[in-house]
Amino acid sequence: MNYNTSKLLTSIRNTASVPNDDARFSDDILLMFADEEIGQTIQPLVISTHEEYFVKDKTVEVDSNGEVQIPQDAYMAKLRDVRGVEGDVEIDIPKLELSDVNKTYGFYIQGRTIKVSSLSNISSLKLYYYARHNNLAPVVESTPVSSKNTNLNTITVGNVFEGLSAGTYVDAIDSITGEVKVSSVFVSSVAGNVLTIDSVDSISLGDTICLANKTSILNLPEPLISLLVQSVANRVYEDIGDTEAYNLGMSKYNNRVKQILKVLEQRVVSKAPVVVRRRTRRGY
C-alpha cells in the first residue's frame, strides 16, 4: 500500500475540520505533530507487541577498541538482539553486568556503544534493532527514480527538489511499503535530473528519493495510519481548546488501540512463539 504524506495531510484536515488556509496548522506543523505522535505513541505501542515490526539488522565489524556503535536510526538506541558473527554463522553471546566485564565472554552497553569483552574473540556483531521511522516530508520534497546506471553509479529522478544538491545525503524509500532500502547515500554531483551517488546497487526503478532521514511514504501497518490521523486530530482539538471534540477524539483513539492490538499481537495466527533455550559457543 502506498500511503504518502499528501494523503495523510488530507485525512488529518478532514478529520479535524482544518481548512488548508488555516495558518495555525500548516502542512509543516501537522507533519511535525505526526512525527511526534509516531515517535512517542505509535512506535512504542507497536514495539510492545513483540511481533518484530520495525526490526532491521546490520552486521558491523568490531573495532580495535572492541567497540561497535549502535546504529543512528535505532529507535531510542534500543536493540532487539546482539549476536556474534563467525564467517557465515551467527552465535549467541551473553549480555554482561558491568561487574562481570572482562571476567568472562560477552558484551555490555555503555551509552550508544556496544563493548565486547576482551575475553571474546569476535570480529563482527550482527545487530537486530528497532528502526526509528524517518521524519515525514511533503511529497514535493521527494522524487521517483526513473532509471539507473550501475557502471556510472548514477540515477535519473523525476525532478530535483529544493534542498537536493551535490554534497547532500539521501535515502531511497520503497514507494509501496515505505521501508528505507538505502540510507544516507552521498550525492557527489547533480547534472540536470541525474544524480551521481556512492552506490546504486540496492536502488530500484520507482523507488522514492528523499533527503536523509526523511520520507514522504509512511512505513506503518495500515490500521495504524487511521490511529495516527486521529492522534494528530486530537492534538489539533487540544490546541484550539475544543474540549468536547478532544474527549470524543480520545474515546475513538482508545477504542481503536484496543482493536488494533488484537490484530498486531499475533502475526502468525496459527502458531504461538516457542521458547527455545539457546546456547552460546562457550555453553553459556
Protein backbone atom coordinates (compact mmCIF):
# COMPACT_ATOMS: atom_id res chain seq x y z
CA MET A 1 0.00 0.00 0.00
CA ASN A 2 1.33 3.42 -0.98
CA TYR A 3 0.27 6.00 1.60
CA ASN A 4 2.10 9.27 1.18
CA THR A 5 2.13 12.44 3.24
CA SER A 6 -0.31 14.20 0.89
CA LYS A 7 -2.92 11.55 1.68
CA LEU A 8 -2.05 11.81 5.38
CA LEU A 9 -2.50 15.59 5.42
CA THR A 10 -5.84 15.32 3.61
CA SER A 11 -7.08 12.75 6.14
CA ILE A 12 -5.93 14.86 9.09
CA ARG A 13 -7.58 18.01 7.74
CA ASN A 14 -10.83 16.18 7.01
CA THR A 15 -10.92 14.51 10.43
CA ALA A 16 -10.06 17.64 12.40
CA SER A 17 -12.01 20.00 10.08
CA VAL A 18 -8.88 22.10 9.44
CA PRO A 19 -9.02 24.17 6.22
CA ASN A 20 -5.93 24.37 4.03
CA ASP A 21 -5.56 28.11 4.63
CA ASP A 22 -5.54 27.89 8.45
CA ALA A 23 -2.13 29.40 9.26
CA ARG A 24 -2.17 27.85 12.73
CA PHE A 25 -1.97 24.37 11.22
CA SER A 26 0.22 24.48 8.13
CA ASP A 27 1.37 21.29 6.43
CA ASP A 28 4.74 21.59 8.20
CA ILE A 29 3.09 21.87 11.62
CA LEU A 30 0.74 18.94 11.01
CA LEU A 31 3.65 16.78 9.80
CA MET A 32 5.62 17.80 12.90
CA PHE A 33 2.65 16.67 15.04
CA ALA A 34 2.59 13.39 13.10
CA ASP A 35 6.33 12.85 13.63
CA GLU A 36 5.90 13.38 17.37
CA GLU A 37 2.93 11.01 17.57
CA ILE A 38 4.76 8.30 15.61
CA GLY A 39 7.82 8.52 17.88
CA GLN A 40 6.04 9.00 21.22
CA THR A 41 2.89 6.91 20.75
CA ILE A 42 2.65 4.75 17.63
CA GLN A 43 6.08 3.08 17.63
CA PRO A 44 6.10 2.28 21.39
CA LEU A 45 2.63 0.76 21.01
CA VAL A 46 3.73 -1.48 18.13
CA ILE A 47 7.06 -2.46 19.70
CA SER A 48 5.22 -3.52 22.87
CA THR A 49 3.57 -6.36 20.90
CA HIS A 50 6.99 -8.05 20.37
CA GLU A 51 5.95 -9.07 16.85
CA GLU A 52 9.10 -7.73 15.16
CA TYR A 53 7.57 -4.72 13.42
CA PHE A 54 10.23 -2.15 12.50
CA VAL A 55 13.07 -4.64 13.17
CA LYS A 56 16.17 -4.26 10.99
CA ASP A 57 19.53 -5.98 11.11
CA LYS A 58 23.04 -4.78 10.44
CA THR A 59 26.40 -6.55 10.61
CA VAL A 60 29.20 -4.35 11.94
CA GLU A 61 32.90 -5.08 12.46
CA VAL A 62 34.23 -4.76 15.99
CA ASP A 63 36.87 -2.00 16.01
CA SER A 64 40.35 -2.15 17.53
CA ASN A 65 38.96 -0.99 20.88
CA GLY A 66 36.46 -3.83 20.97
CA GLU A 67 33.56 -1.46 20.27
CA VAL A 68 30.58 -1.19 17.94
CA GLN A 69 28.33 1.86 17.69
CA ILE A 70 24.57 1.38 17.93
CA PRO A 71 23.05 2.43 14.56
CA GLN A 72 21.92 6.04 14.41
CA ASP A 73 18.44 5.02 13.22
CA ALA A 74 17.87 2.68 16.19
CA TYR A 75 14.72 3.80 17.99
CA MET A 76 15.79 5.14 21.42
CA ALA A 77 19.08 3.25 20.83
CA LYS A 78 17.13 0.06 21.61
CA LEU A 79 18.44 -3.29 20.40
CA ARG A 80 16.31 -6.38 19.79
CA ASP A 81 19.28 -8.77 19.88
CA VAL A 82 23.06 -8.82 19.58
CA ARG A 83 24.79 -11.85 18.04
CA GLY A 84 28.35 -12.66 17.19
CA VAL A 85 29.35 -13.49 13.62
CA GLU A 86 31.95 -16.08 12.68
CA GLY A 87 32.11 -16.47 8.91
CA ASP A 88 28.53 -17.20 7.82
CA VAL A 89 27.46 -18.41 11.26
CA GLU A 90 25.69 -16.36 13.93
CA ILE A 91 26.44 -17.25 17.54
CA ASP A 92 24.78 -16.25 20.79
CA ILE A 93 26.79 -14.06 23.10
CA PRO A 94 25.64 -13.13 26.61
CA LYS A 95 24.99 -9.58 27.78
CA LEU A 96 27.16 -8.90 30.82
CA GLU A 97 26.59 -6.97 34.00
CA LEU A 98 29.20 -4.26 34.49
CA SER A 99 30.60 -6.20 37.45
CA ASP A 100 31.41 -9.12 35.11
CA VAL A 101 33.13 -7.12 32.38
CA ASN A 102 36.47 -8.71 31.35
CA LYS A 103 35.81 -11.64 33.68
CA THR A 104 34.03 -13.70 31.07
CA TYR A 105 32.93 -13.86 27.44
CA GLY A 106 30.20 -11.44 26.28
CA PHE A 107 29.31 -7.79 25.72
CA TYR A 108 27.88 -4.82 27.57
CA ILE A 109 26.39 -1.48 26.55
CA GLN A 110 27.57 1.95 27.60
CA GLY A 111 25.65 4.92 26.15
CA ARG A 112 25.32 4.26 22.41
CA THR A 113 28.34 1.94 22.35
CA ILE A 114 28.41 -1.86 22.48
CA LYS A 115 31.62 -3.03 24.14
CA VAL A 116 32.85 -6.56 23.62
CA SER A 117 34.68 -8.23 26.48
CA SER A 118 38.42 -8.58 25.97
CA LEU A 119 37.95 -12.33 26.52
CA SER A 120 35.68 -12.56 23.46
CA ASN A 121 37.29 -13.45 20.16
CA ILE A 122 34.64 -11.95 17.90
CA SER A 123 35.38 -9.87 14.81
CA SER A 124 31.81 -8.80 13.94
CA LEU A 125 28.42 -8.35 15.57
CA LYS A 126 25.01 -8.70 13.96
CA LEU A 127 22.67 -6.15 15.49
CA TYR A 128 18.91 -6.58 15.40
CA TYR A 129 17.24 -3.32 16.32
CA TYR A 130 14.03 -1.33 16.17
CA ALA A 131 14.40 1.22 13.38
CA ARG A 132 13.15 4.72 14.01
CA HIS A 133 10.58 5.92 11.46
CA ASN A 134 12.02 8.60 9.19
CA ASN A 135 10.71 12.11 9.72
CA LEU A 136 7.84 12.94 7.38
CA ALA A 137 8.44 15.21 4.41
CA PRO A 138 5.95 16.77 1.96
CA VAL A 139 5.61 14.92 -1.33
CA VAL A 140 7.20 17.92 -3.08
CA GLU A 141 10.41 17.12 -1.16
CA SER A 142 10.71 13.70 -2.78
CA THR A 143 11.22 12.35 -6.28
CA PRO A 144 10.90 8.97 -8.04
CA VAL A 145 13.77 7.04 -9.63
CA SER A 146 13.14 6.60 -13.36
CA SER A 147 16.41 4.89 -14.35
CA LYS A 148 19.85 3.96 -13.06
CA ASN A 149 23.31 3.24 -14.45
CA THR A 150 25.27 0.73 -12.37
CA ASN A 151 28.51 1.42 -14.24
CA LEU A 152 28.46 5.16 -13.56
CA ASN A 153 26.65 4.96 -10.20
CA THR A 154 24.01 7.37 -11.40
CA ILE A 155 20.24 7.55 -11.03
CA THR A 156 17.79 9.66 -13.02
CA VAL A 157 14.97 11.15 -10.97
CA GLY A 158 11.69 12.81 -11.89
CA ASN A 159 12.79 16.21 -10.61
CA VAL A 160 15.41 17.81 -8.40
CA PHE A 161 13.51 19.28 -5.44
CA GLU A 162 14.66 22.14 -3.24
CA GLY A 163 17.48 21.04 -0.93
CA LEU A 164 18.66 18.19 -3.14
CA SER A 165 22.13 19.12 -4.34
CA ALA A 166 25.72 17.92 -4.56
CA GLY A 167 27.11 17.30 -1.10
CA THR A 168 23.83 16.18 0.45
CA TYR A 169 22.81 12.70 1.62
CA VAL A 170 19.67 10.89 0.52
CA ASP A 171 17.58 7.87 1.44
CA ALA A 172 15.94 5.53 -1.07
CA ILE A 173 12.43 4.57 0.04
CA ASP A 174 10.33 1.67 -1.22
CA SER A 175 7.40 3.53 -2.78
CA ILE A 176 4.92 0.80 -1.86
CA THR A 177 5.86 -0.24 1.68
CA GLY A 178 7.65 2.91 2.84
CA GLU A 179 10.66 0.88 4.03
CA VAL A 180 14.06 2.55 3.86
CA LYS A 181 16.04 0.49 1.35
CA VAL A 182 19.24 2.55 1.40
CA SER A 183 20.08 5.23 3.94
CA SER A 184 22.44 8.22 3.94
CA VAL A 185 23.83 7.81 0.42
CA PHE A 186 26.18 10.64 -0.55
CA VAL A 187 25.31 12.68 -3.64
CA SER A 188 28.57 13.74 -5.28
CA SER A 189 27.08 15.61 -8.23
CA VAL A 190 23.80 16.73 -9.78
CA ALA A 191 23.55 17.30 -13.56
CA GLY A 192 20.01 18.07 -14.66
CA ASN A 193 17.93 15.23 -13.24
CA VAL A 194 20.88 12.85 -12.96
CA LEU A 195 22.42 12.21 -9.54
CA THR A 196 25.83 10.60 -9.06
CA ILE A 197 25.84 8.73 -5.76
CA ASP A 198 28.02 6.30 -3.80
CA SER A 199 26.18 3.17 -4.94
CA VAL A 200 23.03 2.31 -6.87
CA ASP A 201 23.06 -1.47 -6.28
CA SER A 202 20.11 -1.61 -3.84
CA ILE A 203 18.03 1.07 -5.55
CA SER A 204 15.17 0.03 -7.86
CA LEU A 205 13.20 1.88 -10.51
CA GLY A 206 10.20 3.52 -8.89
CA ASP A 207 11.85 3.99 -5.50
CA THR A 208 11.37 7.37 -3.88
CA ILE A 209 14.37 9.58 -3.12
CA CYS A 210 14.23 11.89 -0.10
CA LEU A 211 16.85 13.73 1.89
CA ALA A 212 18.49 11.52 4.54
CA ASN A 213 16.24 10.60 7.49
CA LYS A 214 13.18 11.90 5.63
CA THR A 215 10.34 10.13 3.86
CA SER A 216 7.16 11.06 2.02
CA ILE A 217 5.87 7.45 2.23
CA LEU A 218 4.58 6.16 5.57
CA ASN A 219 6.05 2.87 6.79
CA LEU A 220 3.25 1.79 9.11
CA PRO A 221 0.87 -1.18 9.20
CA GLU A 222 -2.37 0.04 7.61
CA PRO A 223 -4.55 0.15 10.78
CA LEU A 224 -2.00 2.41 12.44
CA ILE A 225 -2.47 5.15 9.84
CA SER A 226 -6.05 5.80 10.96
CA LEU A 227 -4.78 5.79 14.55
CA LEU A 228 -2.12 8.34 13.62
CA VAL A 229 -4.70 10.54 11.89
CA GLN A 230 -6.91 10.50 14.99
CA SER A 231 -3.94 11.16 17.25
CA VAL A 232 -2.92 14.26 15.27
CA ALA A 233 -6.54 15.44 15.11
CA ASN A 234 -6.64 15.20 18.91
CA ARG A 235 -3.57 17.44 19.06
CA VAL A 236 -5.44 20.00 16.95
CA TYR A 237 -8.53 19.83 19.20
CA GLU A 238 -6.32 20.30 22.25
CA ASP A 239 -4.53 23.30 20.72
CA ILE A 240 -7.75 25.12 19.81
CA GLY A 241 -9.35 24.32 23.17
CA ASP A 242 -12.24 22.25 21.80
CA THR A 243 -12.75 20.04 24.87
CA GLU A 244 -15.80 18.25 23.50
CA ALA A 245 -14.08 17.27 20.24
CA TYR A 246 -10.92 16.28 22.15
CA ASN A 247 -12.79 13.98 24.54
CA LEU A 248 -14.68 12.36 21.68
CA GLY A 249 -11.44 12.00 19.72
CA MET A 250 -9.67 10.37 22.65
CA SER A 251 -12.54 7.91 23.05
CA LYS A 252 -12.23 6.96 19.37
CA TYR A 253 -8.45 6.70 19.75
CA ASN A 254 -8.61 4.39 22.79
CA ASN A 255 -11.20 2.13 21.13
CA ARG A 256 -9.01 1.85 18.03
CA VAL A 257 -5.96 0.97 20.14
CA LYS A 258 -7.86 -1.96 21.67
CA GLN A 259 -8.95 -3.24 18.27
CA ILE A 260 -5.54 -2.74 16.63
CA LEU A 261 -3.67 -4.58 19.38
CA LYS A 262 -5.83 -7.64 18.74
CA VAL A 263 -4.59 -7.65 15.14
CA LEU A 264 -0.95 -6.80 15.82
CA GLU A 265 -0.22 -9.08 18.76
CA GLN A 266 -0.07 -12.36 16.83
CA ARG A 267 1.10 -12.01 13.24
CA VAL A 268 1.18 -15.77 12.58
CA VAL A 269 -2.28 -16.70 13.84
CA SER A 270 -1.86 -20.48 13.74
CA LYS A 271 1.40 -20.54 15.69
CA ALA A 272 2.33 -19.27 19.12
CA PRO A 273 6.00 -18.46 19.83
CA VAL A 274 8.06 -21.31 21.28
CA VAL A 275 10.72 -20.52 23.85
CA VAL A 276 13.93 -22.38 22.99
CA ARG A 277 16.89 -22.47 25.37
CA ARG A 278 19.81 -21.12 23.40
CA ARG A 279 23.45 -21.94 23.98
CA THR A 280 26.40 -19.81 23.11
CA ARG A 281 29.62 -21.05 21.57
CA ARG A 282 31.04 -21.45 25.09
CA GLY A 283 27.97 -23.09 26.51
CA TYR A 284 26.52 -20.17 28.47
